[in-house]
C-alpha atoms as a PDB file:
ATOM      1  CA  MET A   1     -67.726  15.257-102.632  1.00  0.00           C
ATOM      2  CA  TRP A   2     -66.915  18.956-102.232  1.00  0.00           C
ATOM      3  CA  HIS A   3     -64.134  18.201 -99.736  1.00  0.00           C
ATOM      4  CA  ASP A   4     -62.750  15.431-101.956  1.00  0.00           C
ATOM      5  CA  LEU A   5     -62.710  17.675-105.034  1.00  0.00           C
ATOM      6  CA  ALA A   6     -60.949  20.473-103.125  1.00  0.00           C
ATOM      7  CA  ALA A   7     -58.298  18.031-101.886  1.00  0.00           C
ATOM      8  CA  LEU A   8     -57.856  16.631-105.395  1.00  0.00           C
ATOM      9  CA  MET A   9     -57.433  20.113-106.892  1.00  0.00           C
ATOM     10  CA  ARG A  10     -54.765  20.953-104.306  1.00  0.00           C
ATOM     11  CA  GLN A  11     -53.010  17.656-105.012  1.00  0.00           C
ATOM     12  CA  LEU A  12     -53.045  18.268-108.771  1.00  0.00           C
ATOM     13  CA  ASP A  13     -51.805  21.834-108.273  1.00  0.00           C
ATOM     14  CA  ALA A  14     -48.855  20.559-106.225  1.00  0.00           C
ATOM     15  CA  ASP A  15     -47.839  18.103-108.972  1.00  0.00           C
ATOM     16  CA  ASN A  16     -45.300  19.813-111.231  1.00  0.00           C
ATOM     17  CA  ASP A  17     -46.053  17.314-114.016  1.00  0.00           C
ATOM     18  CA  VAL A  18     -49.646  18.576-114.290  1.00  0.00           C
ATOM     19  CA  ARG A  19     -49.763  21.392-116.839  1.00  0.00           C
ATOM     20  CA  CYS A  20     -53.535  21.966-116.895  1.00  0.00           C
ATOM     21  CA  VAL A  21     -56.625  20.571-115.171  1.00  0.00           C
ATOM     22  CA  VAL A  22     -59.729  20.013-117.314  1.00  0.00           C
ATOM     23  CA  ILE A  23     -62.986  19.368-115.469  1.00  0.00           C
ATOM     24  CA  THR A  24     -65.842  17.754-117.364  1.00  0.00           C
ATOM     25  CA  GLY A  25     -69.061  15.947-116.617  1.00  0.00           C
ATOM     26  CA  ALA A  26     -69.607  12.242-117.171  1.00  0.00           C
ATOM     27  CA  GLY A  27     -72.013  10.866-119.717  1.00  0.00           C
ATOM     28  CA  GLY A  28     -72.239  13.851-122.054  1.00  0.00           C
ATOM     29  CA  GLU A  29     -75.639  15.093-120.872  1.00  0.00           C
ATOM     30  CA  ALA A  30     -74.543  17.628-118.280  1.00  0.00           C
ATOM     31  CA  PHE A  31     -71.484  19.209-116.753  1.00  0.00           C
ATOM     32  CA  SER A  32     -73.383  19.222-113.468  1.00  0.00           C
ATOM     33  CA  ALA A  33     -77.077  18.716-112.888  1.00  0.00           C
ATOM     34  CA  GLY A  34     -76.808  20.389-109.480  1.00  0.00           C
ATOM     35  CA  ALA A  35     -77.374  18.990-106.018  1.00  0.00           C
ATOM     36  CA  ASP A  36     -79.694  16.082-105.403  1.00  0.00           C
ATOM     37  CA  ILE A  37     -82.792  17.659-103.890  1.00  0.00           C
ATOM     38  CA  ALA A  38     -83.454  14.416-101.996  1.00  0.00           C
ATOM     39  CA  ASP A  39     -80.263  15.138 -99.994  1.00  0.00           C
ATOM     40  CA  PHE A  40     -81.326  18.627 -98.915  1.00  0.00           C
ATOM     41  CA  HIS A  41     -82.822  17.387 -95.637  1.00  0.00           C
ATOM     42  CA  LYS A  42     -79.564  15.657 -94.750  1.00  0.00           C
ATOM     43  CA  HIS A  43     -77.304  18.602 -95.638  1.00  0.00           C
ATOM     44  CA  ARG A  44     -79.441  21.777 -95.524  1.00  0.00           C
ATOM     45  CA  SER A  45     -82.379  21.246 -93.176  1.00  0.00           C
ATOM     46  CA  ASP A  46     -81.215  23.869 -90.687  1.00  0.00           C
ATOM     47  CA  SER A  47     -78.846  26.826 -90.623  1.00  0.00           C
ATOM     48  CA  GLU A  48     -75.960  24.864 -89.079  1.00  0.00           C
ATOM     49  CA  LYS A  49     -76.114  22.164 -91.751  1.00  0.00           C
ATOM     50  CA  GLY A  50     -76.551  24.810 -94.429  1.00  0.00           C
ATOM     51  CA  ARG A  51     -73.430  26.665 -93.263  1.00  0.00           C
ATOM     52  CA  GLY A  52     -71.462  23.423 -93.262  1.00  0.00           C
ATOM     53  CA  TYR A  53     -72.600  22.634 -96.796  1.00  0.00           C
ATOM     54  CA  ASN A  54     -71.786  26.148 -97.997  1.00  0.00           C
ATOM     55  CA  ASP A  55     -68.363  25.976 -96.328  1.00  0.00           C
ATOM     56  CA  ALA A  56     -67.645  22.750 -98.231  1.00  0.00           C
ATOM     57  CA  VAL A  57     -68.652  24.308-101.561  1.00  0.00           C
ATOM     58  CA  ASN A  58     -66.660  27.455-100.791  1.00  0.00           C
ATOM     59  CA  GLY A  59     -63.626  25.308 -99.938  1.00  0.00           C
ATOM     60  CA  LEU A  60     -63.634  23.906-103.474  1.00  0.00           C
ATOM     61  CA  LEU A  61     -64.176  27.323-105.032  1.00  0.00           C
ATOM     62  CA  GLU A  62     -61.282  28.709-102.978  1.00  0.00           C
ATOM     63  CA  ALA A  63     -59.033  25.807-104.008  1.00  0.00           C
ATOM     64  CA  LEU A  64     -59.851  26.423-107.678  1.00  0.00           C
ATOM     65  CA  THR A  65     -59.274  30.165-107.561  1.00  0.00           C
ATOM     66  CA  GLU A  66     -55.970  29.775-105.699  1.00  0.00           C
ATOM     67  CA  MET A  67     -54.529  27.203-108.109  1.00  0.00           C
ATOM     68  CA  GLY A  68     -51.419  28.188-110.030  1.00  0.00           C
ATOM     69  CA  THR A  69     -52.133  25.416-112.522  1.00  0.00           C
ATOM     70  CA  PRO A  70     -54.565  26.563-115.245  1.00  0.00           C
ATOM     71  CA  THR A  71     -58.070  25.113-114.922  1.00  0.00           C
ATOM     72  CA  ILE A  72     -60.674  24.629-117.631  1.00  0.00           C
ATOM     73  CA  SER A  73     -64.330  23.659-117.310  1.00  0.00           C
ATOM     74  CA  MET A  74     -65.302  21.727-120.425  1.00  0.00           C
ATOM     75  CA  ILE A  75     -69.059  22.231-120.307  1.00  0.00           C
ATOM     76  CA  GLU A  76     -71.421  20.084-122.326  1.00  0.00           C
ATOM     77  CA  GLY A  77     -75.067  20.352-121.380  1.00  0.00           C
ATOM     78  CA  PHE A  78     -76.331  21.837-118.124  1.00  0.00           C
ATOM     79  CA  ALA A  79     -74.138  23.426-115.466  1.00  0.00           C
ATOM     80  CA  ALA A  80     -76.576  23.989-112.615  1.00  0.00           C
ATOM     81  CA  GLY A  81     -76.182  25.028-108.987  1.00  0.00           C
ATOM     82  CA  GLY A  82     -72.788  24.356-107.443  1.00  0.00           C
ATOM     83  CA  GLY A  83     -71.585  22.986-110.768  1.00  0.00           C
ATOM     84  CA  CYS A  84     -72.165  26.398-112.303  1.00  0.00           C
ATOM     85  CA  GLU A  85     -70.276  28.012-109.422  1.00  0.00           C
ATOM     86  CA  MET A  86     -67.413  25.552-109.947  1.00  0.00           C
ATOM     87  CA  ALA A  87     -67.307  26.317-113.678  1.00  0.00           C
ATOM     88  CA  VAL A  88     -67.132  30.068-113.011  1.00  0.00           C
ATOM     89  CA  ALA A  89     -64.264  29.541-110.547  1.00  0.00           C
ATOM     90  CA  THR A  90     -62.058  27.910-113.192  1.00  0.00           C
ATOM     91  CA  ASP A  91     -59.864  29.883-115.562  1.00  0.00           C
END
């Protein structure tokens, strides 16, 4: 997901017809509930996996901060974990 979001942000930034990117959660209960703890073993069970996961998150944060297109996080409800980091990286 982190890689896909970073690629999408770069694609939107390259589109001259896009004037602003607004990021919001689905369902109205949370902007982001954070990572699924059940997935931690798959993605963070050792230092190598943890670095890979962090690199993916940082790739999205870098894409957001480098965008020339204005970005807005429309937060309703919780913004936990990486979702909070993503919200802070937007304009």
